[in-house]
């Protein structure tokens, strides 16, 4: 509840998108504006364009891990990155040298 009030710059009892973006940046979250807006929209249960304290409290009670709040939304929209190639001198490559090749 204190966090909500801190983010509510204009003291309306709601958090608007601009306040949300500012708060996320203050927390050190480095994502695009679009990703922040998508996250906000996913948290805005009644699609009013504002987060009410009830929505915020429900969200926090539902999800014990704050990282999951970002990860779920951000990863749903971003493509998976390919695995980096294994260097022939890397420990992973060395461990595979003695294994027989499989077709």
PDB file of N, CA and C in Angstrom:
ATOM      1  N   UNK A   1       0.831  -1.190   0.000  1.00  0.00           N
ATOM      2  CA  UNK A   1       0.000   0.000   0.000  1.00  0.00           C
ATOM      3  C   UNK A   1       0.878   1.258   0.000  1.00  0.00           C
ATOM      4  N   UNK A   2       1.962   1.254   0.776  1.00  0.00           N
ATOM      5  CA  UNK A   2       2.866   2.408   0.785  1.00  0.00           C
ATOM      6  C   UNK A   2       3.506   2.603  -0.576  1.00  0.00           C
ATOM      7  N   UNK A   3       3.861   1.503  -1.216  1.00  0.00           N
ATOM      8  CA  UNK A   3       4.463   1.564  -2.541  1.00  0.00           C
ATOM      9  C   UNK A   3       3.482   2.181  -3.537  1.00  0.00           C
ATOM     10  N   UNK A   4       2.235   1.769  -3.455  1.00  0.00           N
ATOM     11  CA  UNK A   4       1.201   2.306  -4.336  1.00  0.00           C
ATOM     12  C   UNK A   4       1.105   3.815  -4.156  1.00  0.00           C
ATOM     13  N   UNK A   5       1.060   4.253  -2.929  1.00  0.00           N
ATOM     14  CA  UNK A   5       0.939   5.698  -2.651  1.00  0.00           C
ATOM     15  C   UNK A   5       2.171   6.457  -3.142  1.00  0.00           C
ATOM     16  N   UNK A   6       3.325   5.822  -3.036  1.00  0.00           N
ATOM     17  CA  UNK A   6       4.554   6.452  -3.509  1.00  0.00           C
ATOM     18  C   UNK A   6       4.521   6.641  -5.022  1.00  0.00           C
ATOM     19  N   UNK A   7       3.987   5.667  -5.730  1.00  0.00           N
ATOM     20  CA  UNK A   7       3.921   5.740  -7.185  1.00  0.00           C
ATOM     21  C   UNK A   7       2.847   6.712  -7.659  1.00  0.00           C
ATOM     22  N   UNK A   8       1.828   6.943  -6.854  1.00  0.00           N
ATOM     23  CA  UNK A   8       0.700   7.807  -7.214  1.00  0.00           C
ATOM     24  C   UNK A   8       1.100   9.273  -7.024  1.00  0.00           C
ATOM     25  N   UNK A   9       1.847   9.809  -7.984  1.00  0.00           N
ATOM     26  CA  UNK A   9       2.393  11.164  -7.883  1.00  0.00           C
ATOM     27  C   UNK A   9       1.328  12.239  -7.687  1.00  0.00           C
ATOM     28  N   UNK A  10       0.222  12.121  -8.395  1.00  0.00           N
ATOM     29  CA  UNK A  10      -0.799  13.170  -8.328  1.00  0.00           C
ATOM     30  C   UNK A  10      -1.860  12.934  -7.250  1.00  0.00           C
ATOM     31  N   UNK A  11      -1.673  11.884  -6.457  1.00  0.00           N
ATOM     32  CA  UNK A  11      -2.544  11.567  -5.303  1.00  0.00           C
ATOM     33  C   UNK A  11      -4.020  11.409  -5.674  1.00  0.00           C
ATOM     34  N   UNK A  12      -4.259  10.760  -6.833  1.00  0.00           N
ATOM     35  CA  UNK A  12      -5.639  10.520  -7.250  1.00  0.00           C
ATOM     36  C   UNK A  12      -6.195   9.222  -6.695  1.00  0.00           C
ATOM     37  N   UNK A  13      -5.314   8.392  -6.135  1.00  0.00           N
ATOM     38  CA  UNK A  13      -5.752   7.076  -5.677  1.00  0.00           C
ATOM     39  C   UNK A  13      -5.650   6.031  -6.775  1.00  0.00           C
ATOM     40  N   UNK A  14      -5.100   6.443  -7.912  1.00  0.00           N
ATOM     41  CA  UNK A  14      -4.890   5.551  -9.056  1.00  0.00           C
ATOM     42  C   UNK A  14      -3.480   5.769  -9.579  1.00  0.00           C
ATOM     43  N   UNK A  15      -2.962   4.758 -10.240  1.00  0.00           N
ATOM     44  CA  UNK A  15      -1.664   4.897 -10.910  1.00  0.00           C
ATOM     45  C   UNK A  15      -1.931   4.882 -12.411  1.00  0.00           C
ATOM     46  N   UNK A  16      -1.593   5.987 -13.054  1.00  0.00           N
ATOM     47  CA  UNK A  16      -1.730   6.079 -14.502  1.00  0.00           C
ATOM     48  C   UNK A  16      -0.466   5.519 -15.153  1.00  0.00           C
ATOM     49  N   UNK A  17      -0.541   5.296 -16.464  1.00  0.00           N
ATOM     50  CA  UNK A  17       0.604   4.708 -17.175  1.00  0.00           C
ATOM     51  C   UNK A  17       1.879   5.528 -16.994  1.00  0.00           C
ATOM     52  N   UNK A  18       1.776   6.842 -17.078  1.00  0.00           N
ATOM     53  CA  UNK A  18       2.995   7.667 -16.961  1.00  0.00           C
ATOM     54  C   UNK A  18       3.618   7.502 -15.575  1.00  0.00           C
ATOM     55  N   UNK A  19       2.799   7.390 -14.536  1.00  0.00           N
ATOM     56  CA  UNK A  19       3.314   7.173 -13.182  1.00  0.00           C
ATOM     57  C   UNK A  19       3.940   5.782 -13.068  1.00  0.00           C
ATOM     58  N   UNK A  20       3.300   4.815 -13.704  1.00  0.00           N
ATOM     59  CA  UNK A  20       3.790   3.438 -13.701  1.00  0.00           C
ATOM     60  C   UNK A  20       5.155   3.359 -14.379  1.00  0.00           C
ATOM     61  N   UNK A  21       5.279   3.998 -15.560  1.00  0.00           N
ATOM     62  CA  UNK A  21       6.560   3.985 -16.273  1.00  0.00           C
ATOM     63  C   UNK A  21       7.661   4.600 -15.417  1.00  0.00           C
ATOM     64  N   UNK A  22       7.350   5.712 -14.800  1.00  0.00           N
ATOM     65  CA  UNK A  22       8.322   6.408 -13.955  1.00  0.00           C
ATOM     66  C   UNK A  22       8.751   5.513 -12.787  1.00  0.00           C
ATOM     67  N   UNK A  23       7.797   4.835 -12.166  1.00  0.00           N
ATOM     68  CA  UNK A  23       8.088   3.962 -11.023  1.00  0.00           C
ATOM     69  C   UNK A  23       8.936   2.772 -11.445  1.00  0.00           C
ATOM     70  N   UNK A  24       8.639   2.171 -12.590  1.00  0.00           N
ATOM     71  CA  UNK A  24       9.399   1.014 -13.045  1.00  0.00           C
ATOM     72  C   UNK A  24      10.841   1.410 -13.353  1.00  0.00           C
ATOM     73  N   UNK A  25      11.025   2.575 -13.947  1.00  0.00           N
ATOM     74  CA  UNK A  25      12.385   3.040 -14.236  1.00  0.00           C
ATOM     75  C   UNK A  25      13.137   3.326 -12.938  1.00  0.00           C
ATOM     76  N   UNK A  26      12.432   3.884 -11.944  1.00  0.00           N
ATOM     77  CA  UNK A  26      13.054   4.160 -10.647  1.00  0.00           C
ATOM     78  C   UNK A  26      13.479   2.859  -9.961  1.00  0.00           C
ATOM     79  N   UNK A  27      12.765   1.774 -10.242  1.00  0.00           N
ATOM     80  CA  UNK A  27      13.113   0.466  -9.684  1.00  0.00           C
ATOM     81  C   UNK A  27      14.253  -0.199 -10.450  1.00  0.00           C
ATOM     82  N   UNK A  28      14.665   0.421 -11.556  1.00  0.00           N
ATOM     83  CA  UNK A  28      15.784  -0.119 -12.325  1.00  0.00           C
ATOM     84  C   UNK A  28      15.375  -1.052 -13.452  1.00  0.00           C
ATOM     85  N   UNK A  29      14.088  -1.134 -13.736  1.00  0.00           N
ATOM     86  CA  UNK A  29      13.616  -1.995 -14.817  1.00  0.00           C
ATOM     87  C   UNK A  29      13.944  -1.335 -16.144  1.00  0.00           C
ATOM     88  N   UNK A  30      14.741  -2.006 -16.954  1.00  0.00           N
ATOM     89  CA  UNK A  30      15.178  -1.447 -18.223  1.00  0.00           C
ATOM     90  C   UNK A  30      14.538  -2.210 -19.372  1.00  0.00           C
ATOM     91  N   UNK A  31      13.355  -1.787 -19.724  1.00  0.00           N
ATOM     92  CA  UNK A  31      12.630  -2.372 -20.845  1.00  0.00           C
ATOM     93  C   UNK A  31      12.044  -1.236 -21.675  1.00  0.00           C
ATOM     94  N   UNK A  32      11.564  -1.570 -22.841  1.00  0.00           N
ATOM     95  CA  UNK A  32      11.012  -0.547 -23.726  1.00  0.00           C
ATOM     96  C   UNK A  32       9.696   0.008 -23.178  1.00  0.00           C
ATOM     97  N   UNK A  33       9.340   1.159 -23.700  1.00  0.00           N
ATOM     98  CA  UNK A  33       8.060   1.776 -23.313  1.00  0.00           C
ATOM     99  C   UNK A  33       6.897   0.837 -23.666  1.00  0.00           C
ATOM    100  N   UNK A  34       7.000   0.195 -24.814  1.00  0.00           N
ATOM    101  CA  UNK A  34       5.950  -0.737 -25.244  1.00  0.00           C
ATOM    102  C   UNK A  34       5.810  -1.889 -24.249  1.00  0.00           C
ATOM    103  N   UNK A  35       6.936  -2.429 -23.791  1.00  0.00           N
ATOM    104  CA  UNK A  35       6.876  -3.526 -22.831  1.00  0.00           C
ATOM    105  C   UNK A  35       6.277  -3.060 -21.505  1.00  0.00           C
ATOM    106  N   UNK A  36       6.624  -1.856 -21.074  1.00  0.00           N
ATOM    107  CA  UNK A  36       6.031  -1.318 -19.842  1.00  0.00           C
ATOM    108  C   UNK A  36       4.529  -1.143 -20.005  1.00  0.00           C
ATOM    109  N   UNK A  37       4.114  -0.635 -21.166  1.00  0.00           N
ATOM    110  CA  UNK A  37       2.684  -0.451 -21.418  1.00  0.00           C
ATOM    111  C   UNK A  37       1.950  -1.797 -21.443  1.00  0.00           C
ATOM    112  N   UNK A  38       2.578  -2.808 -22.034  1.00  0.00           N
ATOM    113  CA  UNK A  38       1.967  -4.138 -22.060  1.00  0.00           C
ATOM    114  C   UNK A  38       1.847  -4.710 -20.649  1.00  0.00           C
ATOM    115  N   UNK A  39       2.876  -4.500 -19.849  1.00  0.00           N
ATOM    116  CA  UNK A  39       2.836  -4.959 -18.470  1.00  0.00           C
ATOM    117  C   UNK A  39       1.727  -4.241 -17.705  1.00  0.00           C
ATOM    118  N   UNK A  40       1.668  -2.933 -17.850  1.00  0.00           N
ATOM    119  CA  UNK A  40       0.620  -2.144 -17.204  1.00  0.00           C
ATOM    120  C   UNK A  40      -0.759  -2.664 -17.612  1.00  0.00           C
ATOM    121  N   UNK A  41      -0.959  -2.837 -18.924  1.00  0.00           N
ATOM    122  CA  UNK A  41      -2.256  -3.306 -19.424  1.00  0.00           C
ATOM    123  C   UNK A  41      -2.620  -4.680 -18.860  1.00  0.00           C
ATOM    124  N   UNK A  42      -1.618  -5.539 -18.684  1.00  0.00           N
ATOM    125  CA  UNK A  42      -1.905  -6.869 -18.138  1.00  0.00           C
ATOM    126  C   UNK A  42      -2.279  -6.791 -16.656  1.00  0.00           C
ATOM    127  N   UNK A  43      -1.807  -5.767 -15.969  1.00  0.00           N
ATOM    128  CA  UNK A  43      -2.143  -5.582 -14.552  1.00  0.00           C
ATOM    129  C   UNK A  43      -3.461  -4.845 -14.361  1.00  0.00           C
ATOM    130  N   UNK A  44      -3.890  -4.102 -15.365  1.00  0.00           N
ATOM    131  CA  UNK A  44      -5.112  -3.295 -15.296  1.00  0.00           C
ATOM    132  C   UNK A  44      -6.321  -4.192 -15.583  1.00  0.00           C
ATOM    133  N   UNK A  45      -6.783  -4.880 -14.558  1.00  0.00           N
ATOM    134  CA  UNK A  45      -7.818  -5.911 -14.714  1.00  0.00           C
ATOM    135  C   UNK A  45      -9.109  -5.383 -15.333  1.00  0.00           C
ATOM    136  N   UNK A  46      -9.530  -4.190 -14.959  1.00  0.00           N
ATOM    137  CA  UNK A  46     -10.799  -3.670 -15.481  1.00  0.00           C
ATOM    138  C   UNK A  46     -10.621  -2.813 -16.735  1.00  0.00           C
ATOM    139  N   UNK A  47      -9.391  -2.729 -17.230  1.00  0.00           N
ATOM    140  CA  UNK A  47      -9.058  -2.008 -18.470  1.00  0.00           C
ATOM    141  C   UNK A  47      -9.499  -0.549 -18.428  1.00  0.00           C
ATOM    142  N   UNK A  48      -9.380   0.065 -17.257  1.00  0.00           N
ATOM    143  CA  UNK A  48      -9.766   1.461 -17.085  1.00  0.00           C
ATOM    144  C   UNK A  48      -8.660   2.430 -17.496  1.00  0.00           C
ATOM    145  N   UNK A  49      -7.453   1.916 -17.714  1.00  0.00           N
ATOM    146  CA  UNK A  49      -6.332   2.781 -18.030  1.00  0.00           C
ATOM    147  C   UNK A  49      -5.628   3.278 -16.778  1.00  0.00           C
ATOM    148  N   UNK A  50      -6.071   2.781 -15.640  1.00  0.00           N
ATOM    149  CA  UNK A  50      -5.466   3.145 -14.357  1.00  0.00           C
ATOM    150  C   UNK A  50      -5.423   1.914 -13.470  1.00  0.00           C
ATOM    151  N   UNK A  51      -4.413   1.853 -12.626  1.00  0.00           N
ATOM    152  CA  UNK A  51      -4.362   0.788 -11.621  1.00  0.00           C
ATOM    153  C   UNK A  51      -4.956   1.328 -10.329  1.00  0.00           C
ATOM    154  N   UNK A  52      -6.032   0.698  -9.886  1.00  0.00           N
ATOM    155  CA  UNK A  52      -6.606   1.060  -8.598  1.00  0.00           C
ATOM    156  C   UNK A  52      -5.920   0.238  -7.520  1.00  0.00           C
ATOM    157  N   UNK A  53      -6.001   0.697  -6.321  1.00  0.00           N
ATOM    158  CA  UNK A  53      -5.328   0.018  -5.220  1.00  0.00           C
ATOM    159  C   UNK A  53      -5.821  -1.417  -5.069  1.00  0.00           C
ATOM    160  N   UNK A  54      -7.105  -1.675  -5.323  1.00  0.00           N
ATOM    161  CA  UNK A  54      -7.633  -3.051  -5.229  1.00  0.00           C
ATOM    162  C   UNK A  54      -6.952  -3.972  -6.232  1.00  0.00           C
ATOM    163  N   UNK A  55      -6.767  -3.487  -7.460  1.00  0.00           N
ATOM    164  CA  UNK A  55      -6.088  -4.291  -8.484  1.00  0.00           C
ATOM    165  C   UNK A  55      -4.646  -4.578  -8.065  1.00  0.00           C
ATOM    166  N   UNK A  56      -3.998  -3.564  -7.538  1.00  0.00           N
ATOM    167  CA  UNK A  56      -2.608  -3.678  -7.115  1.00  0.00           C
ATOM    168  C   UNK A  56      -2.467  -4.686  -5.976  1.00  0.00           C
ATOM    169  N   UNK A  57      -3.349  -4.604  -4.995  1.00  0.00           N
ATOM    170  CA  UNK A  57      -3.305  -5.539  -3.861  1.00  0.00           C
ATOM    171  C   UNK A  57      -3.558  -6.973  -4.314  1.00  0.00           C
ATOM    172  N   UNK A  58      -4.538  -7.174  -5.184  1.00  0.00           N
ATOM    173  CA  UNK A  58      -4.834  -8.517  -5.699  1.00  0.00           C
ATOM    174  C   UNK A  58      -3.634  -9.081  -6.443  1.00  0.00           C
ATOM    175  N   UNK A  59      -3.016  -8.236  -7.222  1.00  0.00           N
ATOM    176  CA  UNK A  59      -1.859  -8.655  -7.993  1.00  0.00           C
ATOM    177  C   UNK A  59      -0.735  -9.114  -7.083  1.00  0.00           C
ATOM    178  N   UNK A  60      -0.456  -8.343  -6.053  1.00  0.00           N
ATOM    179  CA  UNK A  60       0.624  -8.697  -5.142  1.00  0.00           C
ATOM    180  C   UNK A  60       0.306  -9.947  -4.330  1.00  0.00           C
ATOM    181  N   UNK A  61      -0.932 -10.139  -3.976  1.00  0.00           N
ATOM    182  CA  UNK A  61      -1.320 -11.339  -3.224  1.00  0.00           C
ATOM    183  C   UNK A  61      -1.242 -12.584  -4.087  1.00  0.00           C
ATOM    184  N   UNK A  62      -1.593 -12.441  -5.364  1.00  0.00           N
ATOM    185  CA  UNK A  62      -1.592 -13.570  -6.291  1.00  0.00           C
ATOM    186  C   UNK A  62      -0.203 -14.046  -6.624  1.00  0.00           C
ATOM    187  N   UNK A  63       0.721 -13.138  -6.684  1.00  0.00           N
ATOM    188  CA  UNK A  63       2.062 -13.470  -7.159  1.00  0.00           C
ATOM    189  C   UNK A  63       3.090 -13.131  -6.104  1.00  0.00           C
ATOM    190  N   UNK A  64       3.653 -14.141  -5.521  1.00  0.00           N
ATOM    191  CA  UNK A  64       4.629 -13.940  -4.457  1.00  0.00           C
ATOM    192  C   UNK A  64       5.967 -13.458  -5.003  1.00  0.00           C
ATOM    193  N   UNK A  65       6.331 -13.854  -6.232  1.00  0.00           N
ATOM    194  CA  UNK A  65       7.616 -13.500  -6.813  1.00  0.00           C
ATOM    195  C   UNK A  65       7.452 -12.303  -7.752  1.00  0.00           C
ATOM    196  N   UNK A  66       7.934 -11.111  -7.355  1.00  0.00           N
ATOM    197  CA  UNK A  66       7.787  -9.935  -8.208  1.00  0.00           C
ATOM    198  C   UNK A  66       8.421 -10.117  -9.581  1.00  0.00           C
ATOM    199  N   UNK A  67       9.464 -10.922  -9.680  1.00  0.00           N
ATOM    200  CA  UNK A  67      10.089 -11.162 -10.975  1.00  0.00           C
ATOM    201  C   UNK A  67       9.147 -11.826 -11.953  1.00  0.00           C
ATOM    202  N   UNK A  68       8.236 -12.625 -11.450  1.00  0.00           N
ATOM    203  CA  UNK A  68       7.300 -13.315 -12.334  1.00  0.00           C
ATOM    204  C   UNK A  68       6.318 -12.337 -12.961  1.00  0.00           C
ATOM    205  N   UNK A  69       6.106 -11.196 -12.346  1.00  0.00           N
ATOM    206  CA  UNK A  69       5.196 -10.209 -12.896  1.00  0.00           C
ATOM    207  C   UNK A  69       5.737  -9.652 -14.200  1.00  0.00           C
ATOM    208  N   UNK A  70       7.016  -9.473 -14.263  1.00  0.00           N
ATOM    209  CA  UNK A  70       7.642  -8.955 -15.464  1.00  0.00           C
ATOM    210  C   UNK A  70       7.907 -10.065 -16.448  1.00  0.00           C
ATOM    211  N   UNK A  71       8.466 -11.149 -15.989  1.00  0.00           N
ATOM    212  CA  UNK A  71       8.888 -12.236 -16.856  1.00  0.00           C
ATOM    213  C   UNK A  71       7.735 -12.785 -17.679  1.00  0.00           C
ATOM    214  N   UNK A  72       6.599 -13.020 -17.049  1.00  0.00           N
ATOM    215  CA  UNK A  72       5.471 -13.604 -17.757  1.00  0.00           C
ATOM    216  C   UNK A  72       5.033 -12.721 -18.919  1.00  0.00           C
ATOM    217  N   UNK A  73       4.865 -11.440 -18.673  1.00  0.00           N
ATOM    218  CA  UNK A  73       4.381 -10.536 -19.703  1.00  0.00           C
ATOM    219  C   UNK A  73       5.431 -10.281 -20.761  1.00  0.00           C
ATOM    220  N   UNK A  74       6.637  -9.966 -20.351  1.00  0.00           N
ATOM    221  CA  UNK A  74       7.690  -9.635 -21.313  1.00  0.00           C
ATOM    222  C   UNK A  74       8.057 -10.824 -22.170  1.00  0.00           C
ATOM    223  N   UNK A  75       8.131 -12.018 -21.603  1.00  0.00           N
ATOM    224  CA  UNK A  75       8.542 -13.186 -22.377  1.00  0.00           C
ATOM    225  C   UNK A  75       7.436 -13.660 -23.307  1.00  0.00           C
ATOM    226  N   UNK A  76       6.207 -13.330 -23.012  1.00  0.00           N
ATOM    227  CA  UNK A  76       5.111 -13.762 -23.872  1.00  0.00           C
ATOM    228  C   UNK A  76       5.193 -13.084 -25.233  1.00  0.00           C
ATOM    229  N   UNK A  77       5.771 -11.893 -25.298  1.00  0.00           N
ATOM    230  CA  UNK A  77       5.829 -11.142 -26.540  1.00  0.00           C
ATOM    231  C   UNK A  77       7.170 -11.242 -27.244  1.00  0.00           C
ATOM    232  N   UNK A  78       8.222 -11.589 -26.543  1.00  0.00           N
ATOM    233  CA  UNK A  78       9.542 -11.586 -27.166  1.00  0.00           C
ATOM    234  C   UNK A  78       9.923 -12.979 -27.643  1.00  0.00           C
ATOM    235  N   UNK A  79      10.541 -13.028 -28.828  1.00  0.00           N
ATOM    236  CA  UNK A  79      10.950 -14.347 -29.343  1.00  0.00           C
ATOM    237  C   UNK A  79      12.106 -14.892 -28.525  1.00  0.00           C
ATOM    238  N   UNK A  80      12.214 -16.216 -28.531  1.00  0.00           N
ATOM    239  CA  UNK A  80      13.311 -16.854 -27.807  1.00  0.00           C
ATOM    240  C   UNK A  80      14.606 -16.611 -28.565  1.00  0.00           C
ATOM    241  N   UNK A  81      15.656 -16.302 -27.838  1.00  0.00           N
ATOM    242  CA  UNK A  81      16.938 -16.119 -28.496  1.00  0.00           C
ATOM    243  C   UNK A  81      17.609 -17.462 -28.683  1.00  0.00           C
ATOM    244  N   UNK A  82      18.308 -17.597 -29.792  1.00  0.00           N
ATOM    245  CA  UNK A  82      18.979 -18.871 -30.041  1.00  0.00           C
ATOM    246  C   UNK A  82      20.120 -19.069 -29.066  1.00  0.00           C
ATOM    247  N   UNK A  83      20.464 -20.331 -28.853  1.00  0.00           N
ATOM    248  CA  UNK A  83      21.585 -20.638 -27.967  1.00  0.00           C
ATOM    249  C   UNK A  83      22.871 -20.231 -28.663  1.00  0.00           C
ATOM    250  N   UNK A  84      23.822 -19.691 -27.909  1.00  0.00           N
ATOM    251  CA  UNK A  84      25.089 -19.310 -28.543  1.00  0.00           C
ATOM    252  C   UNK A  84      25.838 -20.548 -28.994  1.00  0.00           C
ATOM    253  N   UNK A  85      26.618 -20.413 -30.065  1.00  0.00           N
ATOM    254  CA  UNK A  85      27.372 -21.576 -30.540  1.00  0.00           C
ATOM    255  C   UNK A  85      28.424 -21.987 -29.515  1.00  0.00           C
ATOM    256  N   UNK A  86      28.738 -23.270 -29.511  1.00  0.00           N
ATOM    257  CA  UNK A  86      29.747 -23.793 -28.594  1.00  0.00           C
ATOM    258  C   UNK A  86      31.101 -23.668 -29.264  1.00  0.00           C
ATOM    259  N   UNK A  87      32.005 -23.006 -28.597  1.00  0.00           N
ATOM    260  CA  UNK A  87      33.361 -22.847 -29.106  1.00  0.00           C
ATOM    261  C   UNK A  87      34.082 -24.192 -29.014  1.00  0.00           C
ATOM    262  N   UNK A  88      34.934 -24.523 -29.995  1.00  0.00           N
ATOM    263  CA  UNK A  88      35.652 -25.801 -29.945  1.00  0.00           C
ATOM    264  C   UNK A  88      36.565 -25.921 -28.729  1.00  0.00           C
ATOM    265  N   UNK A  89      36.917 -24.799 -28.126  1.00  0.00           N
ATOM    266  CA  UNK A  89      37.800 -24.834 -26.953  1.00  0.00           C
ATOM    267  C   UNK A  89      37.035 -24.714 -25.641  1.00  0.00           C
ATOM    268  N   UNK A  90      35.708 -24.649 -25.712  1.00  0.00           N
ATOM    269  CA  UNK A  90      34.924 -24.489 -24.490  1.00  0.00           C
ATOM    270  C   UNK A  90      34.842 -25.808 -23.731  1.00  0.00           C
ATOM    271  N   UNK A  91      34.588 -25.747 -22.412  1.00  0.00           N
ATOM    272  CA  UNK A  91      34.436 -26.967 -21.614  1.00  0.00           C
ATOM    273  C   UNK A  91      33.307 -27.866 -22.140  1.00  0.00           C
ATOM    274  N   UNK A  92      32.261 -27.249 -22.677  1.00  0.00           N
ATOM    275  CA  UNK A  92      31.143 -28.045 -23.205  1.00  0.00           C
ATOM    276  C   UNK A  92      31.586 -28.865 -24.405  1.00  0.00           C
ATOM    277  N   UNK A  93      32.389 -28.261 -25.278  1.00  0.00           N
ATOM    278  CA  UNK A  93      32.877 -28.982 -26.452  1.00  0.00           C
ATOM    279  C   UNK A  93      33.846 -30.077 -26.038  1.00  0.00           C
ATOM    280  N   UNK A  94      34.689 -29.788 -25.066  1.00  0.00           N
ATOM    281  CA  UNK A  94      35.666 -30.778 -24.602  1.00  0.00           C
ATOM    282  C   UNK A  94      34.982 -31.994 -24.012  1.00  0.00           C
ATOM    283  N   UNK A  95      33.872 -31.793 -23.323  1.00  0.00           N
ATOM    284  CA  UNK A  95      33.189 -32.926 -22.701  1.00  0.00           C
ATOM    285  C   UNK A  95      32.513 -33.817 -23.738  1.00  0.00           C
ATOM    286  N   UNK A  96      32.259 -33.269 -24.926  1.00  0.00           N
ATOM    287  CA  UNK A  96      31.597 -34.048 -25.970  1.00  0.00           C
ATOM    288  C   UNK A  96      32.586 -34.812 -26.858  1.00  0.00           C
ATOM    289  N   UNK A  97      33.889 -34.544 -26.750  1.00  0.00           N
ATOM    290  CA  UNK A  97      34.878 -35.166 -27.626  1.00  0.00           C
ATOM    291  C   UNK A  97      34.941 -36.679 -27.455  1.00  0.00           C
ATOM    292  N   UNK A  98      34.794 -37.161 -26.248  1.00  0.00           N
ATOM    293  CA  UNK A  98      34.921 -38.584 -25.987  1.00  0.00           C
ATOM    294  C   UNK A  98      33.623 -39.359 -26.152  1.00  0.00           C
ATOM    295  N   UNK A  99      32.554 -38.661 -26.414  1.00  0.00           N
ATOM    296  CA  UNK A  99      31.281 -39.336 -26.584  1.00  0.00           C
ATOM    297  C   UNK A  99      31.130 -39.769 -28.032  1.00  0.00           C
ATOM    298  N   UNK A 100      30.588 -40.958 -28.259  1.00  0.00           N
ATOM    299  CA  UNK A 100      30.385 -41.406 -29.650  1.00  0.00           C
ATOM    300  C   UNK A 100      29.319 -40.540 -30.329  1.00  0.00           C
ATOM    301  N   UNK A 101      29.499 -40.341 -31.621  1.00  0.00           N
ATOM    302  CA  UNK A 101      28.520 -39.567 -32.384  1.00  0.00           C
ATOM    303  C   UNK A 101      27.270 -40.383 -32.593  1.00  0.00           C
ATOM    304  N   UNK A 102      26.160 -39.700 -32.516  1.00  0.00           N
ATOM    305  CA  UNK A 102      24.878 -40.352 -32.740  1.00  0.00           C
ATOM    306  C   UNK A 102      24.254 -39.793 -34.000  1.00  0.00           C
ATOM    307  N   UNK A 103      23.672 -40.645 -34.820  1.00  0.00           N
ATOM    308  CA  UNK A 103      23.071 -40.159 -36.073  1.00  0.00           C
ATOM    309  C   UNK A 103      21.834 -39.355 -35.830  1.00  0.00           C
TER     310      UNK A 103
END
